[in-house]
Amino acid sequence: MSDEQEHLREQGASFDEAALETNARVAKAKELLAAGATYPKGCSGFVSAVIGIAWENAKSLLGDSPTYVGKDNVYTGLTPGDAVGLKGPPSHIAIFIGEPGQKFIDVPDENEKPRKVKNGYGDKDLYKSSKY
């Protein structure tokens, strides 16, 4: 929460903490996309950086009980900033952006840069993380 938001809270304003966190994730994912750095640990390194945690592998980032959200580029139950992925093998993780022409941001493989994913992951089953 920003200093300004904290000040407003002290004045009696309320905020949707989850929405603030997910909006921060979208902003961070876009910032890292624009920076164009490579990620030695691939998708999981990128998502760990977006979330602001020490590195975890994609399977761990999805959590123990990820929620199925769809396939064939049709997804439901997602909020911008959600960590989403494929159970695999191989497993994969990305950040849902939810904008036209930029549905997700991910890193396709180790030692590669972030990219925009326009539509989704085709016929692969996609899951929302139960952990993040």
Foldseek 3Di string as FASTA:
>chain_A
DDPVVVVVVVVPDDDDVVLVLLVQLLVLLVVQLVVFFFAQLFFQSSLCVSNVHPGDHQQVQQPDDWAWADAQLHGPDDDFNWWKWANDVVIGIWGQHCDAQARTWTGPHGRGGIDGDHRDDHGGTMTTRPPD
